[in-house]
N, C-alpha and C. Protein backbone atom coordinates (compact mmCIF):
# COMPACT_ATOMS: atom_id res chain seq x y z
N MET A 1 0.85 -1.28 -0.01
CA MET A 1 -0.13 0.02 0.01
C MET A 1 0.96 1.17 0.07
N GLU A 2 0.50 2.22 -0.88
CA GLU A 2 1.42 3.40 -0.85
C GLU A 2 1.03 4.24 0.26
N LEU A 3 1.96 5.22 0.55
CA LEU A 3 1.69 6.13 1.63
C LEU A 3 0.62 6.99 1.43
N ALA A 4 0.49 7.66 0.26
CA ALA A 4 -0.50 8.57 0.03
C ALA A 4 -1.03 8.28 -1.54
N GLU A 5 -2.34 8.27 -1.53
CA GLU A 5 -2.80 8.15 -3.02
C GLU A 5 -3.55 9.49 -3.24
N PHE A 6 -2.90 10.28 -4.12
CA PHE A 6 -3.52 11.58 -4.51
C PHE A 6 -4.15 11.43 -5.89
N SER A 7 -5.32 11.06 -5.88
CA SER A 7 -6.26 10.92 -6.97
C SER A 7 -6.89 12.19 -7.28
N ALA A 8 -7.51 12.45 -8.46
CA ALA A 8 -8.17 13.73 -8.76
C ALA A 8 -9.39 13.97 -7.78
N SER A 9 -9.95 12.91 -7.32
CA SER A 9 -11.06 12.99 -6.51
C SER A 9 -10.67 13.58 -5.18
N TYR A 10 -9.47 12.94 -4.58
CA TYR A 10 -9.00 13.35 -3.50
C TYR A 10 -8.57 14.79 -3.43
N VAL A 11 -7.84 15.23 -4.42
CA VAL A 11 -7.27 16.57 -4.55
C VAL A 11 -8.41 17.67 -4.59
N SER A 12 -9.42 17.26 -5.32
CA SER A 12 -10.58 18.26 -5.38
C SER A 12 -11.37 18.39 -4.12
N ARG A 13 -11.55 17.26 -3.33
CA ARG A 13 -12.16 17.23 -2.08
C ARG A 13 -11.41 17.83 -0.95
N TYR A 14 -10.03 17.72 -1.17
CA TYR A 14 -9.07 18.29 -0.18
C TYR A 14 -8.98 19.74 -0.17
N ALA A 15 -9.15 20.34 -1.53
CA ALA A 15 -9.16 21.65 -1.88
C ALA A 15 -10.35 22.33 -1.09
N LEU A 16 -11.61 21.68 -1.29
CA LEU A 16 -12.72 22.22 -0.79
C LEU A 16 -12.70 22.04 0.94
N ALA A 17 -12.12 21.03 1.30
CA ALA A 17 -12.07 21.05 2.76
C ALA A 17 -11.11 22.11 3.37
N ALA A 18 -9.95 22.25 2.53
CA ALA A 18 -9.00 23.23 2.97
C ALA A 18 -9.58 24.72 2.92
N VAL A 19 -10.46 25.07 2.07
CA VAL A 19 -11.06 26.35 2.10
C VAL A 19 -11.90 26.51 3.22
N ARG A 20 -12.62 25.49 3.68
CA ARG A 20 -13.42 25.54 4.79
C ARG A 20 -12.65 25.70 6.09
N VAL A 21 -11.58 24.90 6.23
CA VAL A 21 -10.80 24.96 7.48
C VAL A 21 -10.11 26.42 7.50
N LEU A 22 -9.53 26.88 6.35
CA LEU A 22 -8.77 27.96 6.36
C LEU A 22 -9.66 29.31 6.61
N ALA A 23 -10.97 29.16 6.16
CA ALA A 23 -11.89 30.19 6.62
C ALA A 23 -12.30 30.24 8.02
N ALA A 24 -12.37 28.98 8.63
CA ALA A 24 -12.73 28.99 9.94
C ALA A 24 -11.45 29.41 10.79
N LEU A 25 -10.22 29.20 10.47
CA LEU A 25 -9.10 29.66 11.12
C LEU A 25 -8.93 31.02 11.04
N GLY A 26 -9.31 31.70 9.95
CA GLY A 26 -9.20 33.18 9.67
C GLY A 26 -9.92 33.93 10.58
N ILE A 27 -11.05 33.49 11.09
CA ILE A 27 -11.78 34.23 12.06
C ILE A 27 -11.49 33.84 13.49
N ASN A 28 -10.92 32.60 13.64
CA ASN A 28 -10.51 32.23 14.93
C ASN A 28 -9.80 33.39 15.80
N PRO A 29 -10.14 33.65 17.05
CA PRO A 29 -9.44 34.62 17.64
C PRO A 29 -8.03 34.24 18.05
N LEU A 30 -7.69 32.99 18.20
CA LEU A 30 -6.21 32.52 18.44
C LEU A 30 -5.44 32.60 17.27
N PHE A 31 -5.81 32.08 16.06
CA PHE A 31 -5.02 31.94 14.91
C PHE A 31 -5.22 33.21 13.95
N GLY A 32 -6.42 33.81 14.09
CA GLY A 32 -6.68 34.90 13.06
C GLY A 32 -6.22 36.27 13.52
N SER A 33 -5.44 36.29 14.44
CA SER A 33 -4.88 37.55 14.90
C SER A 33 -3.66 37.99 14.10
N ALA A 34 -3.32 39.30 14.01
CA ALA A 34 -2.26 39.62 13.30
C ALA A 34 -0.83 39.27 13.91
N ARG A 35 -0.89 38.67 15.22
CA ARG A 35 0.31 38.30 15.73
C ARG A 35 0.77 36.91 15.21
N VAL A 36 -0.08 36.14 14.56
CA VAL A 36 0.33 34.86 13.79
C VAL A 36 0.60 35.27 12.40
N PRO A 37 1.72 34.95 11.79
CA PRO A 37 2.02 35.39 10.44
C PRO A 37 1.09 34.52 9.51
N LEU A 38 0.96 35.11 8.25
CA LEU A 38 0.03 34.53 7.29
C LEU A 38 0.47 33.16 6.87
N LEU A 39 1.73 33.00 6.68
CA LEU A 39 2.28 31.66 6.23
C LEU A 39 2.13 30.66 7.40
N GLY A 40 2.06 31.09 8.60
CA GLY A 40 1.96 30.16 9.73
C GLY A 40 0.40 29.83 9.71
N ARG A 41 -0.56 30.68 9.52
CA ARG A 41 -1.90 30.26 9.42
C ARG A 41 -2.31 29.50 8.33
N VAL A 42 -1.62 29.62 7.11
CA VAL A 42 -1.91 28.83 6.14
C VAL A 42 -1.33 27.27 6.41
N GLY A 43 -0.27 27.36 6.89
CA GLY A 43 0.35 26.10 7.28
C GLY A 43 -0.31 25.23 8.31
N ILE A 44 -0.82 25.92 9.29
CA ILE A 44 -1.58 25.21 10.19
C ILE A 44 -3.03 24.79 9.73
N GLY A 45 -3.46 25.58 8.89
CA GLY A 45 -4.75 25.25 8.22
C GLY A 45 -4.68 24.10 7.32
N LEU A 46 -3.62 24.02 6.61
CA LEU A 46 -3.32 22.87 5.68
C LEU A 46 -3.07 21.57 6.40
N PHE A 47 -2.37 21.76 7.56
CA PHE A 47 -2.05 20.58 8.32
C PHE A 47 -3.25 20.00 9.15
N VAL A 48 -3.97 20.99 9.62
CA VAL A 48 -5.44 20.37 10.25
C VAL A 48 -6.31 19.87 9.13
N THR A 49 -6.27 20.39 8.02
CA THR A 49 -7.05 19.81 6.85
C THR A 49 -6.60 18.37 6.58
N LEU A 50 -5.31 18.25 6.57
CA LEU A 50 -4.55 16.93 6.38
C LEU A 50 -4.94 15.89 7.52
N ALA A 51 -5.05 16.43 8.76
CA ALA A 51 -5.30 15.53 9.89
C ALA A 51 -6.84 15.21 9.84
N LEU A 52 -7.55 16.16 9.42
CA LEU A 52 -9.12 15.82 9.37
C LEU A 52 -9.41 14.96 8.18
N PHE A 53 -8.67 14.99 7.03
CA PHE A 53 -9.06 14.50 5.79
C PHE A 53 -7.79 13.83 5.34
N PRO A 54 -7.47 12.56 5.89
CA PRO A 54 -6.16 11.89 5.68
C PRO A 54 -6.32 11.27 4.00
N PRO A 55 -5.13 11.19 3.51
CA PRO A 55 -5.05 10.80 2.14
C PRO A 55 -5.43 9.40 1.79
N THR A 56 -6.66 9.17 1.54
CA THR A 56 -7.10 7.84 1.19
C THR A 56 -7.85 8.04 -0.24
N ALA A 57 -8.10 7.02 -0.91
CA ALA A 57 -8.94 7.11 -2.12
C ALA A 57 -10.42 7.16 -1.87
N PRO A 58 -11.08 8.30 -1.87
CA PRO A 58 -12.53 8.38 -1.62
C PRO A 58 -13.38 7.72 -2.80
N ALA A 59 -14.42 7.14 -2.40
CA ALA A 59 -15.18 6.59 -3.32
C ALA A 59 -15.87 7.57 -4.25
N GLY A 60 -16.12 7.35 -5.43
CA GLY A 60 -16.87 8.31 -6.15
C GLY A 60 -15.86 9.18 -7.34
N ASP A 61 -16.65 9.87 -7.88
CA ASP A 61 -16.04 10.82 -8.97
C ASP A 61 -15.53 12.04 -8.29
N PRO A 62 -14.69 12.61 -9.09
CA PRO A 62 -14.09 14.01 -8.54
C PRO A 62 -15.21 15.08 -8.37
N VAL A 63 -15.23 15.70 -7.46
CA VAL A 63 -16.10 16.87 -7.05
C VAL A 63 -15.72 18.00 -8.12
N ALA A 64 -16.77 18.56 -8.71
CA ALA A 64 -16.37 19.65 -9.63
C ALA A 64 -16.18 21.12 -8.76
N VAL A 65 -14.92 21.53 -8.76
CA VAL A 65 -14.70 22.63 -7.84
C VAL A 65 -14.96 23.88 -8.75
N THR A 66 -16.23 24.55 -8.44
CA THR A 66 -16.63 25.64 -9.13
C THR A 66 -16.66 26.82 -8.14
N PRO A 67 -16.95 27.92 -8.66
CA PRO A 67 -16.93 29.21 -7.69
C PRO A 67 -18.09 28.90 -6.76
N LEU A 68 -19.17 28.39 -7.10
CA LEU A 68 -20.37 28.22 -6.27
C LEU A 68 -19.97 27.17 -5.13
N THR A 69 -19.34 26.12 -5.46
CA THR A 69 -18.88 25.13 -4.29
C THR A 69 -17.83 25.78 -3.31
N ILE A 70 -17.00 26.51 -4.05
CA ILE A 70 -15.93 27.22 -3.14
C ILE A 70 -16.65 28.19 -2.24
N ALA A 71 -17.53 29.02 -2.86
CA ALA A 71 -18.35 30.01 -1.95
C ALA A 71 -19.13 29.36 -0.96
N SER A 72 -19.70 28.23 -1.09
CA SER A 72 -20.41 27.61 -0.02
C SER A 72 -19.47 26.86 1.03
N GLU A 73 -18.34 26.39 0.64
CA GLU A 73 -17.46 25.91 1.51
C GLU A 73 -16.77 27.12 2.39
N LEU A 74 -16.66 28.22 1.65
CA LEU A 74 -16.21 29.47 2.40
C LEU A 74 -17.22 29.92 3.45
N LEU A 75 -18.48 29.91 3.02
CA LEU A 75 -19.45 30.31 3.96
C LEU A 75 -19.71 29.54 5.16
N ILE A 76 -19.52 28.18 5.02
CA ILE A 76 -19.62 27.27 6.07
C ILE A 76 -18.43 27.35 7.01
N GLY A 77 -17.26 27.65 6.44
CA GLY A 77 -16.06 27.77 7.30
C GLY A 77 -16.23 29.17 8.11
N LEU A 78 -16.62 30.17 7.35
CA LEU A 78 -16.92 31.52 8.10
C LEU A 78 -17.74 31.45 9.17
N LEU A 79 -18.91 30.79 9.01
CA LEU A 79 -19.91 30.56 10.02
C LEU A 79 -19.36 29.67 11.29
N ALA A 80 -18.61 28.58 10.98
CA ALA A 80 -18.00 27.93 11.97
C ALA A 80 -16.96 28.71 12.81
N GLY A 81 -16.18 29.57 12.09
CA GLY A 81 -15.25 30.39 12.75
C GLY A 81 -15.90 31.48 13.57
N PHE A 82 -17.09 32.01 13.06
CA PHE A 82 -17.79 33.06 13.77
C PHE A 82 -18.45 32.40 15.22
N ALA A 83 -18.85 31.21 14.97
CA ALA A 83 -19.37 30.51 16.26
C ALA A 83 -18.37 30.36 17.33
N VAL A 84 -17.14 30.10 16.89
CA VAL A 84 -15.98 29.89 17.86
C VAL A 84 -15.68 31.32 18.52
N ALA A 85 -15.72 32.33 17.57
CA ALA A 85 -15.43 33.82 18.17
C ALA A 85 -16.56 34.12 19.05
N LEU A 86 -17.80 33.73 18.80
CA LEU A 86 -18.87 34.05 19.77
C LEU A 86 -18.58 33.42 21.10
N ILE A 87 -18.15 32.18 21.06
CA ILE A 87 -17.86 31.48 22.20
C ILE A 87 -16.79 32.12 23.09
N PHE A 88 -15.72 32.55 22.35
CA PHE A 88 -14.61 33.24 23.04
C PHE A 88 -15.06 34.60 23.60
N ALA A 89 -15.91 35.33 22.83
CA ALA A 89 -16.48 36.61 23.31
C ALA A 89 -17.40 36.48 24.47
N ALA A 90 -18.18 35.32 24.53
CA ALA A 90 -19.09 35.11 25.76
C ALA A 90 -18.20 34.81 27.00
N ALA A 91 -17.13 34.05 26.84
CA ALA A 91 -16.24 33.76 27.87
C ALA A 91 -15.47 35.09 28.33
N GLN A 92 -15.07 35.94 27.55
CA GLN A 92 -14.46 37.18 27.86
C GLN A 92 -15.50 38.13 28.56
N PHE A 93 -16.77 38.11 28.10
CA PHE A 93 -17.68 39.02 28.65
C PHE A 93 -18.10 38.57 30.15
N ALA A 94 -18.05 37.07 30.23
CA ALA A 94 -18.45 36.58 31.67
C ALA A 94 -17.12 36.79 32.51
N ALA A 95 -15.96 36.79 32.06
CA ALA A 95 -14.92 37.15 32.91
C ALA A 95 -14.96 38.71 33.35
N ALA A 96 -15.44 39.43 32.40
CA ALA A 96 -15.34 40.91 32.67
C ALA A 96 -16.58 41.10 33.80
N LEU A 97 -17.66 40.47 33.64
CA LEU A 97 -18.72 40.62 34.59
C LEU A 97 -18.15 40.18 36.05
N ILE A 98 -17.52 39.14 36.07
CA ILE A 98 -16.98 38.54 37.28
C ILE A 98 -16.01 39.55 37.92
N GLY A 99 -15.13 40.05 37.13
CA GLY A 99 -14.26 41.16 37.65
C GLY A 99 -14.83 42.47 38.12
N ILE A 100 -15.92 42.79 37.62
CA ILE A 100 -16.69 44.01 38.05
C ILE A 100 -17.36 43.92 39.36
N SER A 101 -18.05 42.58 39.60
CA SER A 101 -18.76 42.44 40.73
C SER A 101 -18.13 42.05 41.98
N GLY A 102 -16.79 42.38 42.03
CA GLY A 102 -15.93 42.06 43.18
C GLY A 102 -15.86 42.95 44.00
């Protein structure tokens, strides 16, 4: 068995998964800040995508990577990143309330 099988189907699905993960990390309060360099964010995003989507031969035909599919994956990633940002904001707000009532 080969270490990695990079078929056209895998590459197209990996690209769409990478768009989703990179969009989510772009809004993330930890990795989306200006303190993390852009190349570091991209590297972390591609590594996380590789960990979530290991190189195996997926069943089926290659997915057509069109602007509509890229936009839908981007929107899903942005919504996931926004949800994480809301959780961080709620924790910060709760900490601020605890600090005031002392």
